[in-house]
Amino acid sequence: MGFWIYGERTEEGFHPVVLELVGVAQKIWPQPEEITVVTLGAEGARPVAEALRAYGVRVLWLHHPELSYFRDDLYAAVLAEKVRAFKPEVFLFGATSQGQALAPRLAGLLRLGLTAHCTALELKDDRLIQIRPSFGENVMAKIVSRTRPQMATVRPGVFPKAQPASVEGELIEEKLEFLPPSALKRRAVFSRPSKESPLSGARIVVAGGRGLLTKENFQKLFELAEILGGAVGATRPVCHMGWISEDHMIGVSGETVAPKLYIGFGISGALQHTVGIEGAEVVVAVNTDPEAPLMKRADIAVVGDATQILPRLIRRLREVKEGDHGT
């Protein structure tokens, strides 16, 4: 079982990041039959485990009544035992709140290295090249683990999700008889409405930076997003200046997006931001500086003043849209 992925569950099923990790594993790992999603739960989690077989991966389902809800000390102890037994080469986790609690604890139990918040992965021979921004967020660091399994957490939204396969994967079910003690007990459950990011799943993202000069100019992005049926993103400085809330921030400190189309207005393209758009299919950049990093990264680079081009684009798109309706 060479390549393991932690199968994080939610009330609705698997967390979306699981399919993203399956997708990248199928792309880089030379033996697809060795890709295994490891999930823990109680007997009621069977349908969730079964559903993942459709993506062509092996599913290792460890179940016991005490595993019905997440406890990082208990889950880590169970996984540590299985890692020692099966000795996988790689073990990936989503950089979610659960993954960030579980992966370090597991790495500590096994005395392993762990690379956090990866935004890209490569494979060279049997070494997993784990790529993430440096702490200064101005260099992409390539990290290689000396320990096995090679462990990393991966930012959600970085990779495309895996698609259903023509052949279902195998389900390996193991009913655990004995569990180590846990210091954590759930006393009560309080539901809280989930706050989905305004950028989550957006097929079109229009984003602005300091090159828009004023908050009033930045607000025009919402008009453009409405016309295109997209979402509005921003750079970190813009959020810190109060032009928009931080849940619209794209980059290392914010959201990672993978839209069909990304348009950046007045954004120079510091690494802190561009890391968050690595998954974009088409990138359009508007900037007065043709040498700006985002302009070089863009599929279409428009040299010009974003404060003038943005309202003109909105006006032209409205004309086209109204013309399509015969008005």
C-alpha atoms as a PDB file:
ATOM      1  CA  MET A   1       0.000   0.000   0.000  1.00  0.00           C
ATOM      2  CA  GLY A   2       2.369   2.664  -1.247  1.00  0.00           C
ATOM      3  CA  PHE A   3       0.376   5.920  -1.366  1.00  0.00           C
ATOM      4  CA  TRP A   4      -2.029   6.697   1.465  1.00  0.00           C
ATOM      5  CA  ILE A   5      -4.581   9.475   1.725  1.00  0.00           C
ATOM      6  CA  TYR A   6      -6.481  10.332   4.873  1.00  0.00           C
ATOM      7  CA  GLY A   7     -10.200  10.040   4.119  1.00  0.00           C
ATOM      8  CA  GLU A   8     -11.649  12.886   6.143  1.00  0.00           C
ATOM      9  CA  ARG A   9     -15.412  12.596   6.546  1.00  0.00           C
ATOM     10  CA  THR A  10     -18.057  15.258   7.053  1.00  0.00           C
ATOM     11  CA  GLU A  11     -21.766  14.931   7.742  1.00  0.00           C
ATOM     12  CA  GLU A  12     -22.373  14.996   3.983  1.00  0.00           C
ATOM     13  CA  GLY A  13     -19.695  12.429   3.073  1.00  0.00           C
ATOM     14  CA  PHE A  14     -16.021  12.779   2.266  1.00  0.00           C
ATOM     15  CA  HIS A  15     -14.464  16.214   2.502  1.00  0.00           C
ATOM     16  CA  PRO A  16     -13.884  17.578  -1.062  1.00  0.00           C
ATOM     17  CA  VAL A  17     -10.135  17.696  -0.455  1.00  0.00           C
ATOM     18  CA  VAL A  18     -10.062  13.884  -0.423  1.00  0.00           C
ATOM     19  CA  LEU A  19     -10.966  13.735  -4.115  1.00  0.00           C
ATOM     20  CA  GLU A  20      -8.376  16.430  -4.828  1.00  0.00           C
ATOM     21  CA  LEU A  21      -5.698  14.308  -3.168  1.00  0.00           C
ATOM     22  CA  VAL A  22      -6.887  11.240  -5.067  1.00  0.00           C
ATOM     23  CA  GLY A  23      -6.606  13.234  -8.285  1.00  0.00           C
ATOM     24  CA  VAL A  24      -3.008  14.302  -7.703  1.00  0.00           C
ATOM     25  CA  ALA A  25      -2.046  10.817  -6.503  1.00  0.00           C
ATOM     26  CA  GLN A  26      -3.390   9.272  -9.708  1.00  0.00           C
ATOM     27  CA  LYS A  27      -1.394  11.813 -11.681  1.00  0.00           C
ATOM     28  CA  ILE A  28       2.013  11.369 -10.043  1.00  0.00           C
ATOM     29  CA  TRP A  29       2.075   7.872  -8.517  1.00  0.00           C
ATOM     30  CA  PRO A  30       3.259   5.225 -11.003  1.00  0.00           C
ATOM     31  CA  GLN A  31       1.258   2.337  -9.466  1.00  0.00           C
ATOM     32  CA  PRO A  32      -2.366   3.527  -9.272  1.00  0.00           C
ATOM     33  CA  GLU A  33      -3.411   0.238  -7.666  1.00  0.00           C
ATOM     34  CA  GLU A  34      -1.337   1.241  -4.615  1.00  0.00           C
ATOM     35  CA  ILE A  35      -3.372   4.397  -3.895  1.00  0.00           C
ATOM     36  CA  THR A  36      -5.325   3.842  -0.692  1.00  0.00           C
ATOM     37  CA  VAL A  37      -7.777   6.107   1.099  1.00  0.00           C
ATOM     38  CA  VAL A  38      -7.801   5.339   4.812  1.00  0.00           C
ATOM     39  CA  THR A  39     -10.963   6.319   6.654  1.00  0.00           C
ATOM     40  CA  LEU A  40     -12.132   5.799  10.222  1.00  0.00           C
ATOM     41  CA  GLY A  41     -15.650   5.672  11.577  1.00  0.00           C
ATOM     42  CA  ALA A  42     -18.461   3.661  13.065  1.00  0.00           C
ATOM     43  CA  GLU A  43     -20.598   1.077  11.275  1.00  0.00           C
ATOM     44  CA  GLY A  44     -22.821   3.813   9.852  1.00  0.00           C
ATOM     45  CA  ALA A  45     -19.943   5.144   7.761  1.00  0.00           C
ATOM     46  CA  ARG A  46     -20.085   2.191   5.367  1.00  0.00           C
ATOM     47  CA  PRO A  47     -21.984   4.061   2.579  1.00  0.00           C
ATOM     48  CA  VAL A  48     -19.347   6.798   2.636  1.00  0.00           C
ATOM     49  CA  ALA A  49     -16.520   4.267   2.345  1.00  0.00           C
ATOM     50  CA  GLU A  50     -18.355   2.418  -0.427  1.00  0.00           C
ATOM     51  CA  ALA A  51     -18.933   5.608  -2.407  1.00  0.00           C
ATOM     52  CA  LEU A  52     -15.222   6.326  -2.764  1.00  0.00           C
ATOM     53  CA  ARG A  53     -14.614   3.038  -4.590  1.00  0.00           C
ATOM     54  CA  ALA A  54     -16.157   4.658  -7.669  1.00  0.00           C
ATOM     55  CA  TYR A  55     -12.941   6.662  -8.117  1.00  0.00           C
ATOM     56  CA  GLY A  56     -10.825   3.563  -8.661  1.00  0.00           C
ATOM     57  CA  VAL A  57      -8.926   3.647  -5.391  1.00  0.00           C
ATOM     58  CA  ARG A  58      -8.554   1.096  -2.654  1.00  0.00           C
ATOM     59  CA  VAL A  59     -10.450   2.069   0.492  1.00  0.00           C
ATOM     60  CA  LEU A  60      -9.230   0.898   3.899  1.00  0.00           C
ATOM     61  CA  TRP A  61     -12.134   1.329   6.297  1.00  0.00           C
ATOM     62  CA  LEU A  62     -11.321   1.024   9.985  1.00  0.00           C
ATOM     63  CA  HIS A  63     -14.433   0.973  12.123  1.00  0.00           C
ATOM     64  CA  HIS A  64     -15.412   0.833  15.765  1.00  0.00           C
ATOM     65  CA  PRO A  65     -18.256   2.549  17.672  1.00  0.00           C
ATOM     66  CA  GLU A  66     -15.741   4.793  19.443  1.00  0.00           C
ATOM     67  CA  LEU A  67     -14.562   6.163  16.087  1.00  0.00           C
ATOM     68  CA  SER A  68     -17.945   7.703  15.288  1.00  0.00           C
ATOM     69  CA  TYR A  69     -16.629  11.230  15.841  1.00  0.00           C
ATOM     70  CA  PHE A  70     -13.206  12.784  15.407  1.00  0.00           C
ATOM     71  CA  ARG A  71     -10.758  12.768  18.304  1.00  0.00           C
ATOM     72  CA  ASP A  72      -7.239  13.578  17.227  1.00  0.00           C
ATOM     73  CA  ASP A  73      -5.462  11.552  19.919  1.00  0.00           C
ATOM     74  CA  LEU A  74      -7.525   8.412  19.239  1.00  0.00           C
ATOM     75  CA  TYR A  75      -7.450   8.713  15.453  1.00  0.00           C
ATOM     76  CA  ALA A  76      -3.679   9.307  15.518  1.00  0.00           C
ATOM     77  CA  ALA A  77      -3.074   6.252  17.700  1.00  0.00           C
ATOM     78  CA  VAL A  78      -5.129   4.017  15.398  1.00  0.00           C
ATOM     79  CA  LEU A  79      -3.425   5.340  12.272  1.00  0.00           C
ATOM     80  CA  ALA A  80       0.043   5.011  13.822  1.00  0.00           C
ATOM     81  CA  GLU A  81      -0.560   1.301  14.379  1.00  0.00           C
ATOM     82  CA  LYS A  82      -1.631   0.826  10.749  1.00  0.00           C
ATOM     83  CA  VAL A  83       1.289   2.820   9.374  1.00  0.00           C
ATOM     84  CA  ARG A  84       3.710   0.637  11.331  1.00  0.00           C
ATOM     85  CA  ALA A  85       2.003  -2.477   9.971  1.00  0.00           C
ATOM     86  CA  PHE A  86       1.663  -1.511   6.282  1.00  0.00           C
ATOM     87  CA  LYS A  87       4.611   0.906   5.873  1.00  0.00           C
ATOM     88  CA  PRO A  88       3.258   3.201   3.131  1.00  0.00           C
ATOM     89  CA  GLU A  89       5.685   5.411   1.190  1.00  0.00           C
ATOM     90  CA  VAL A  90       3.490   8.516   1.287  1.00  0.00           C
ATOM     91  CA  PHE A  91       0.681   9.724   3.561  1.00  0.00           C
ATOM     92  CA  LEU A  92      -1.225  12.878   2.587  1.00  0.00           C
ATOM     93  CA  PHE A  93      -3.764  14.901   4.560  1.00  0.00           C
ATOM     94  CA  GLY A  94      -5.907  17.856   3.598  1.00  0.00           C
ATOM     95  CA  ALA A  95      -4.806  21.079   5.309  1.00  0.00           C
ATOM     96  CA  THR A  96      -8.240  21.362   6.911  1.00  0.00           C
ATOM     97  CA  SER A  97      -8.870  21.997  10.600  1.00  0.00           C
ATOM     98  CA  GLN A  98      -9.093  18.229  11.103  1.00  0.00           C
ATOM     99  CA  GLY A  99      -6.074  17.413   8.977  1.00  0.00           C
ATOM    100  CA  GLN A 100      -3.971  20.066  10.686  1.00  0.00           C
ATOM    101  CA  ALA A 101      -4.858  18.584  14.069  1.00  0.00           C
ATOM    102  CA  LEU A 102      -4.301  14.963  13.097  1.00  0.00           C
ATOM    103  CA  ALA A 103      -1.225  14.976  10.839  1.00  0.00           C
ATOM    104  CA  PRO A 104       1.198  16.623  13.327  1.00  0.00           C
ATOM    105  CA  ARG A 105       0.064  14.348  16.138  1.00  0.00           C
ATOM    106  CA  LEU A 106       0.564  11.273  13.943  1.00  0.00           C
ATOM    107  CA  ALA A 107       3.964  12.518  12.787  1.00  0.00           C
ATOM    108  CA  GLY A 108       4.955  13.046  16.409  1.00  0.00           C
ATOM    109  CA  LEU A 109       3.911   9.535  17.423  1.00  0.00           C
ATOM    110  CA  LEU A 110       5.908   8.029  14.562  1.00  0.00           C
ATOM    111  CA  ARG A 111       8.810  10.505  14.853  1.00  0.00           C
ATOM    112  CA  LEU A 112       8.417  11.547  11.228  1.00  0.00           C
ATOM    113  CA  GLY A 113       8.881  14.744   9.286  1.00  0.00           C
ATOM    114  CA  LEU A 114       5.829  16.651   8.053  1.00  0.00           C
ATOM    115  CA  THR A 115       5.508  19.376   5.434  1.00  0.00           C
ATOM    116  CA  ALA A 116       2.500  21.635   5.986  1.00  0.00           C
ATOM    117  CA  HIS A 117       0.323  23.559   3.523  1.00  0.00           C
ATOM    118  CA  CYS A 118       1.755  22.200   0.273  1.00  0.00           C
ATOM    119  CA  THR A 119       0.517  23.825  -2.930  1.00  0.00           C
ATOM    120  CA  ALA A 120       2.199  21.445  -5.398  1.00  0.00           C
ATOM    121  CA  LEU A 121       3.599  17.914  -5.405  1.00  0.00           C
ATOM    122  CA  GLU A 122       6.072  16.166  -7.699  1.00  0.00           C
ATOM    123  CA  LEU A 123       7.609  12.718  -7.716  1.00  0.00           C
ATOM    124  CA  LYS A 124      11.259  12.027  -8.517  1.00  0.00           C
ATOM    125  CA  ASP A 125      12.166   8.357  -8.326  1.00  0.00           C
ATOM    126  CA  ASP A 126      10.466   7.391  -5.055  1.00  0.00           C
ATOM    127  CA  ARG A 127      10.885  10.818  -3.454  1.00  0.00           C
ATOM    128  CA  LEU A 128       7.896  13.075  -3.002  1.00  0.00           C
ATOM    129  CA  ILE A 129       8.868  16.682  -3.750  1.00  0.00           C
ATOM    130  CA  GLN A 130       6.694  18.776  -1.452  1.00  0.00           C
ATOM    131  CA  ILE A 131       6.329  22.352  -2.652  1.00  0.00           C
ATOM    132  CA  ARG A 132       5.082  25.216  -0.521  1.00  0.00           C
ATOM    133  CA  PRO A 133       5.722  28.940  -0.042  1.00  0.00           C
ATOM    134  CA  SER A 134       8.535  29.844   2.316  1.00  0.00           C
ATOM    135  CA  PHE A 135       7.695  31.604   5.570  1.00  0.00           C
ATOM    136  CA  GLY A 136       8.517  34.923   3.932  1.00  0.00           C
ATOM    137  CA  GLU A 137       6.078  33.960   1.152  1.00  0.00           C
ATOM    138  CA  ASN A 138       8.477  35.131  -1.561  1.00  0.00           C
ATOM    139  CA  VAL A 139      10.077  31.805  -2.505  1.00  0.00           C
ATOM    140  CA  MET A 140       8.595  28.427  -3.395  1.00  0.00           C
ATOM    141  CA  ALA A 141      10.461  25.870  -1.285  1.00  0.00           C
ATOM    142  CA  LYS A 142      10.941  22.275  -2.447  1.00  0.00           C
ATOM    143  CA  ILE A 143      11.120  19.922   0.502  1.00  0.00           C
ATOM    144  CA  VAL A 144      12.145  16.267   0.548  1.00  0.00           C
ATOM    145  CA  SER A 145      11.468  14.053   3.564  1.00  0.00           C
ATOM    146  CA  ARG A 146      14.170  11.830   4.994  1.00  0.00           C
ATOM    147  CA  THR A 147      11.644   9.710   6.869  1.00  0.00           C
ATOM    148  CA  ARG A 148       9.015   7.242   5.666  1.00  0.00           C
ATOM    149  CA  PRO A 149       6.176   7.575   5.097  1.00  0.00           C
ATOM    150  CA  GLN A 150       6.662  10.990   3.532  1.00  0.00           C
ATOM    151  CA  MET A 151       3.946  13.064   5.179  1.00  0.00           C
ATOM    152  CA  ALA A 152       2.395  16.330   4.046  1.00  0.00           C
ATOM    153  CA  THR A 153      -0.764  18.379   4.355  1.00  0.00           C
ATOM    154  CA  VAL A 154      -2.127  19.927   1.150  1.00  0.00           C
ATOM    155  CA  ARG A 155      -4.169  23.100   0.845  1.00  0.00           C
ATOM    156  CA  PRO A 156      -7.757  22.463  -0.277  1.00  0.00           C
ATOM    157  CA  GLY A 157      -8.624  23.779  -3.711  1.00  0.00           C
ATOM    158  CA  VAL A 158      -5.128  23.376  -5.189  1.00  0.00           C
ATOM    159  CA  PHE A 159      -5.738  20.307  -7.344  1.00  0.00           C
ATOM    160  CA  PRO A 160      -8.650  19.279  -9.596  1.00  0.00           C
ATOM    161  CA  LYS A 161     -10.906  16.598  -8.147  1.00  0.00           C
ATOM    162  CA  ALA A 162     -10.584  13.015  -9.335  1.00  0.00           C
ATOM    163  CA  GLN A 163     -13.236  11.758 -11.737  1.00  0.00           C
ATOM    164  CA  PRO A 164     -15.092   8.442 -11.412  1.00  0.00           C
ATOM    165  CA  ALA A 165     -13.098   5.549 -12.873  1.00  0.00           C
ATOM    166  CA  SER A 166     -14.206   2.808 -15.242  1.00  0.00           C
ATOM    167  CA  VAL A 167     -13.282   0.148 -12.678  1.00  0.00           C
ATOM    168  CA  GLU A 168     -14.237   0.363  -9.006  1.00  0.00           C
ATOM    169  CA  GLY A 169     -11.607   0.062  -6.332  1.00  0.00           C
ATOM    170  CA  GLU A 170     -11.439  -2.514  -3.563  1.00  0.00           C
ATOM    171  CA  LEU A 171     -12.972  -2.003  -0.118  1.00  0.00           C
ATOM    172  CA  ILE A 172     -10.939  -3.463   2.737  1.00  0.00           C
ATOM    173  CA  GLU A 173     -12.977  -3.507   5.916  1.00  0.00           C
ATOM    174  CA  GLU A 174     -11.396  -3.972   9.322  1.00  0.00           C
ATOM    175  CA  LYS A 175     -13.436  -4.070  12.496  1.00  0.00           C
ATOM    176  CA  LEU A 176     -11.208  -2.979  15.357  1.00  0.00           C
ATOM    177  CA  GLU A 177     -11.607  -4.942  18.569  1.00  0.00           C
ATOM    178  CA  PHE A 178      -9.490  -2.858  20.925  1.00  0.00           C
ATOM    179  CA  LEU A 179      -8.747   0.855  20.923  1.00  0.00           C
ATOM    180  CA  PRO A 180      -6.227   2.839  22.949  1.00  0.00           C
ATOM    181  CA  PRO A 181      -7.705   5.199  25.546  1.00  0.00           C
ATOM    182  CA  SER A 182      -8.548   8.768  24.568  1.00  0.00           C
ATOM    183  CA  ALA A 183      -8.311  11.813  26.806  1.00  0.00           C
ATOM    184  CA  LEU A 184     -11.133  13.448  24.856  1.00  0.00           C
ATOM    185  CA  LYS A 185     -14.835  12.891  25.400  1.00  0.00           C
ATOM    186  CA  ARG A 186     -17.682  14.555  23.580  1.00  0.00           C
ATOM    187  CA  ARG A 187     -20.172  15.970  26.063  1.00  0.00           C
ATOM    188  CA  ALA A 188     -22.482  17.888  23.748  1.00  0.00           C
ATOM    189  CA  VAL A 189     -22.934  18.858  20.106  1.00  0.00           C
ATOM    190  CA  PHE A 190     -23.867  22.366  19.031  1.00  0.00           C
ATOM    191  CA  SER A 191     -24.723  22.936  15.412  1.00  0.00           C
ATOM    192  CA  ARG A 192     -23.357  26.010  13.703  1.00  0.00           C
ATOM    193  CA  PRO A 193     -24.302  27.150  10.212  1.00  0.00           C
ATOM    194  CA  SER A 194     -21.364  26.544   7.916  1.00  0.00           C
ATOM    195  CA  LYS A 195     -20.030  29.685   6.296  1.00  0.00           C
ATOM    196  CA  GLU A 196     -18.975  28.807   2.787  1.00  0.00           C
ATOM    197  CA  SER A 197     -16.330  30.967   1.185  1.00  0.00           C
ATOM    198  CA  PRO A 198     -17.745  33.302  -1.495  1.00  0.00           C
ATOM    199  CA  LEU A 199     -14.977  31.945  -3.746  1.00  0.00           C
ATOM    200  CA  SER A 200     -15.748  28.282  -3.145  1.00  0.00           C
ATOM    201  CA  GLY A 201     -16.377  26.486  -6.411  1.00  0.00           C
ATOM    202  CA  ALA A 202     -16.511  29.696  -8.482  1.00  0.00           C
ATOM    203  CA  ARG A 203     -15.952  29.036 -12.200  1.00  0.00           C
ATOM    204  CA  ILE A 204     -15.072  32.683 -12.818  1.00  0.00           C
ATOM    205  CA  VAL A 205     -13.102  34.863 -10.398  1.00  0.00           C
ATOM    206  CA  VAL A 206     -12.458  38.579 -10.871  1.00  0.00           C
ATOM    207  CA  ALA A 207      -9.900  39.968  -8.441  1.00  0.00           C
ATOM    208  CA  GLY A 208      -8.440  43.355  -7.632  1.00  0.00           C
ATOM    209  CA  GLY A 209      -5.299  44.760  -6.083  1.00  0.00           C
ATOM    210  CA  ARG A 210      -3.909  48.103  -5.055  1.00  0.00           C
ATOM    211  CA  GLY A 211      -3.648  49.117  -8.705  1.00  0.00           C
ATOM    212  CA  LEU A 212      -7.373  49.919  -8.569  1.00  0.00           C
ATOM    213  CA  LEU A 213      -6.331  52.825  -6.293  1.00  0.00           C
ATOM    214  CA  THR A 214      -9.607  53.349  -4.391  1.00  0.00           C
ATOM    215  CA  LYS A 215     -12.296  51.351  -2.683  1.00  0.00           C
ATOM    216  CA  GLU A 216     -14.855  52.864  -5.069  1.00  0.00           C
ATOM    217  CA  ASN A 217     -12.968  51.494  -8.062  1.00  0.00           C
ATOM    218  CA  PHE A 218     -12.653  48.122  -6.356  1.00  0.00           C
ATOM    219  CA  GLN A 219     -16.414  47.909  -5.809  1.00  0.00           C
ATOM    220  CA  LYS A 220     -16.893  47.867  -9.594  1.00  0.00           C
ATOM    221  CA  LEU A 221     -15.606  44.301  -9.500  1.00  0.00           C
ATOM    222  CA  PHE A 222     -18.943  43.258  -8.020  1.00  0.00           C
ATOM    223  CA  GLU A 223     -20.703  44.631 -11.114  1.00  0.00           C
ATOM    224  CA  LEU A 224     -18.381  42.637 -13.342  1.00  0.00           C
ATOM    225  CA  ALA A 225     -18.836  39.498 -11.253  1.00  0.00           C
ATOM    226  CA  GLU A 226     -22.621  39.845 -11.487  1.00  0.00           C
ATOM    227  CA  ILE A 227     -22.484  40.111 -15.275  1.00  0.00           C
ATOM    228  CA  LEU A 228     -20.151  37.122 -15.626  1.00  0.00           C
ATOM    229  CA  GLY A 229     -21.776  35.000 -12.934  1.00  0.00           C
ATOM    230  CA  GLY A 230     -18.554  34.894 -10.969  1.00  0.00           C
ATOM    231  CA  ALA A 231     -17.078  35.767  -7.596  1.00  0.00           C
ATOM    232  CA  VAL A 232     -14.860  38.599  -6.356  1.00  0.00           C
ATOM    233  CA  GLY A 233     -11.390  37.961  -4.971  1.00  0.00           C
ATOM    234  CA  ALA A 234      -8.711  40.237  -3.596  1.00  0.00           C
ATOM    235  CA  THR A 235      -5.084  40.507  -2.584  1.00  0.00           C
ATOM    236  CA  ARG A 236      -4.032  40.670   1.046  1.00  0.00           C
ATOM    237  CA  PRO A 237      -3.151  44.419   1.068  1.00  0.00           C
ATOM    238  CA  VAL A 238      -6.592  45.289  -0.304  1.00  0.00           C
ATOM    239  CA  CYS A 239      -8.284  43.299   2.460  1.00  0.00           C
ATOM    240  CA  HIS A 240      -6.071  44.916   5.089  1.00  0.00           C
ATOM    241  CA  MET A 241      -7.025  48.353   3.773  1.00  0.00           C
ATOM    242  CA  GLY A 242     -10.664  47.494   4.393  1.00  0.00           C
ATOM    243  CA  TRP A 243     -11.814  47.510   0.791  1.00  0.00           C
ATOM    244  CA  ILE A 244     -13.311  44.029   1.201  1.00  0.00           C
ATOM    245  CA  SER A 245     -13.565  41.370   3.921  1.00  0.00           C
ATOM    246  CA  GLU A 246     -10.809  38.807   4.347  1.00  0.00           C
ATOM    247  CA  ASP A 247     -13.015  35.894   3.281  1.00  0.00           C
ATOM    248  CA  HIS A 248     -12.392  37.168  -0.282  1.00  0.00           C
ATOM    249  CA  MET A 249      -8.599  36.992   0.095  1.00  0.00           C
ATOM    250  CA  ILE A 250      -6.778  34.743  -2.374  1.00  0.00           C
ATOM    251  CA  GLY A 251      -3.345  33.351  -1.589  1.00  0.00           C
ATOM    252  CA  VAL A 252      -1.235  31.808   1.134  1.00  0.00           C
ATOM    253  CA  SER A 253      -3.170  33.599   3.878  1.00  0.00           C
ATOM    254  CA  GLY A 254      -6.551  33.148   2.214  1.00  0.00           C
ATOM    255  CA  GLU A 255      -8.376  30.948  -0.269  1.00  0.00           C
ATOM    256  CA  THR A 256      -7.024  28.766  -3.053  1.00  0.00           C
ATOM    257  CA  VAL A 257      -9.157  28.915  -6.193  1.00  0.00           C
ATOM    258  CA  ALA A 258      -9.239  26.870  -9.396  1.00  0.00           C
ATOM    259  CA  PRO A 259     -11.693  28.669 -11.730  1.00  0.00           C
ATOM    260  CA  LYS A 260     -12.095  28.269 -15.463  1.00  0.00           C
ATOM    261  CA  LEU A 261     -11.300  31.981 -15.784  1.00  0.00           C
ATOM    262  CA  TYR A 262      -9.420  34.341 -13.476  1.00  0.00           C
ATOM    263  CA  ILE A 263      -9.131  38.064 -14.246  1.00  0.00           C
ATOM    264  CA  GLY A 264      -6.806  40.194 -12.116  1.00  0.00           C
ATOM    265  CA  PHE A 265      -7.065  43.995 -12.172  1.00  0.00           C
ATOM    266  CA  GLY A 266      -4.183  46.054 -10.816  1.00  0.00           C
ATOM    267  CA  ILE A 267      -2.472  43.063  -9.209  1.00  0.00           C
ATOM    268  CA  SER A 268       1.300  42.887  -9.468  1.00  0.00           C
ATOM    269  CA  GLY A 269       1.293  39.213  -8.614  1.00  0.00           C
ATOM    270  CA  ALA A 270       3.374  38.624  -5.510  1.00  0.00           C
ATOM    271  CA  LEU A 271       3.917  34.964  -4.723  1.00  0.00           C
ATOM    272  CA  GLN A 272       1.616  35.271  -1.719  1.00  0.00           C
ATOM    273  CA  HIS A 273      -1.288  35.804  -4.133  1.00  0.00           C
ATOM    274  CA  THR A 274      -0.336  33.768  -7.201  1.00  0.00           C
ATOM    275  CA  VAL A 275       0.039  30.598  -5.141  1.00  0.00           C
ATOM    276  CA  GLY A 276      -3.720  30.789  -4.677  1.00  0.00           C
ATOM    277  CA  ILE A 277      -4.516  30.735  -8.415  1.00  0.00           C
ATOM    278  CA  GLU A 278      -2.255  27.897  -9.548  1.00  0.00           C
ATOM    279  CA  GLY A 279      -5.297  25.841 -10.506  1.00  0.00           C
ATOM    280  CA  ALA A 280      -6.864  28.504 -12.758  1.00  0.00           C
ATOM    281  CA  GLU A 281      -7.305  27.315 -16.343  1.00  0.00           C
ATOM    282  CA  VAL A 282      -7.109  30.742 -18.015  1.00  0.00           C
ATOM    283  CA  VAL A 283      -5.499  33.781 -16.373  1.00  0.00           C
ATOM    284  CA  VAL A 284      -6.080  37.315 -17.628  1.00  0.00           C
ATOM    285  CA  ALA A 285      -4.101  40.189 -16.100  1.00  0.00           C
ATOM    286  CA  VAL A 286      -4.589  43.947 -16.452  1.00  0.00           C
ATOM    287  CA  ASN A 287      -1.697  46.123 -15.291  1.00  0.00           C
ATOM    288  CA  THR A 288       0.297  49.158 -16.345  1.00  0.00           C
ATOM    289  CA  ASP A 289       3.546  47.261 -15.732  1.00  0.00           C
ATOM    290  CA  PRO A 290       4.194  44.633 -18.431  1.00  0.00           C
ATOM    291  CA  GLU A 291       6.951  43.162 -16.240  1.00  0.00           C
ATOM    292  CA  ALA A 292       4.663  42.490 -13.271  1.00  0.00           C
ATOM    293  CA  PRO A 293       4.832  38.808 -12.200  1.00  0.00           C
ATOM    294  CA  LEU A 294       1.124  38.231 -12.837  1.00  0.00           C
ATOM    295  CA  MET A 295       1.456  39.667 -16.356  1.00  0.00           C
ATOM    296  CA  LYS A 296       4.196  37.143 -17.104  1.00  0.00           C
ATOM    297  CA  ARG A 297       2.112  34.348 -15.603  1.00  0.00           C
ATOM    298  CA  ALA A 298      -1.038  35.337 -17.537  1.00  0.00           C
ATOM    299  CA  ASP A 299      -2.392  33.630 -20.628  1.00  0.00           C
ATOM    300  CA  ILE A 300      -3.670  37.052 -21.717  1.00  0.00           C
ATOM    301  CA  ALA A 301      -1.824  40.161 -20.486  1.00  0.00           C
ATOM    302  CA  VAL A 302      -3.426  43.561 -21.039  1.00  0.00           C
ATOM    303  CA  VAL A 303      -1.081  46.518 -20.555  1.00  0.00           C
ATOM    304  CA  GLY A 304      -3.196  49.407 -19.346  1.00  0.00           C
ATOM    305  CA  ASP A 305      -4.764  51.270 -16.462  1.00  0.00           C
ATOM    306  CA  ALA A 306      -7.074  48.917 -14.588  1.00  0.00           C
ATOM    307  CA  THR A 307      -9.140  51.866 -13.283  1.00  0.00           C
ATOM    308  CA  GLN A 308     -10.057  52.740 -16.883  1.00  0.00           C
ATOM    309  CA  ILE A 309     -10.289  49.269 -18.407  1.00  0.00           C
ATOM    310  CA  LEU A 310     -12.577  47.830 -15.712  1.00  0.00           C
ATOM    311  CA  PRO A 311     -15.519  50.262 -16.234  1.00  0.00           C
ATOM    312  CA  ARG A 312     -15.119  50.020 -20.016  1.00  0.00           C
ATOM    313  CA  LEU A 313     -15.267  46.240 -19.844  1.00  0.00           C
ATOM    314  CA  ILE A 314     -18.384  46.390 -17.664  1.00  0.00           C
ATOM    315  CA  ARG A 315     -20.058  48.812 -20.081  1.00  0.00           C
ATOM    316  CA  ARG A 316     -19.192  46.680 -23.107  1.00  0.00           C
ATOM    317  CA  LEU A 317     -20.383  43.454 -21.513  1.00  0.00           C
ATOM    318  CA  ARG A 318     -23.682  45.095 -20.542  1.00  0.00           C
ATOM    319  CA  GLU A 319     -24.142  46.225 -24.146  1.00  0.00           C
ATOM    320  CA  VAL A 320     -23.498  42.701 -25.403  1.00  0.00           C
ATOM    321  CA  LYS A 321     -25.787  41.176 -22.785  1.00  0.00           C
ATOM    322  CA  GLU A 322     -28.622  43.589 -23.570  1.00  0.00           C
ATOM    323  CA  GLY A 323     -28.136  42.989 -27.269  1.00  0.00           C
ATOM    324  CA  ASP A 324     -28.524  39.243 -26.727  1.00  0.00           C
ATOM    325  CA  HIS A 325     -31.934  39.936 -25.176  1.00  0.00           C
ATOM    326  CA  GLY A 326     -33.032  42.056 -28.132  1.00  0.00           C
ATOM    327  CA  THR A 327     -33.086  45.407 -26.313  1.00  0.00           C
END
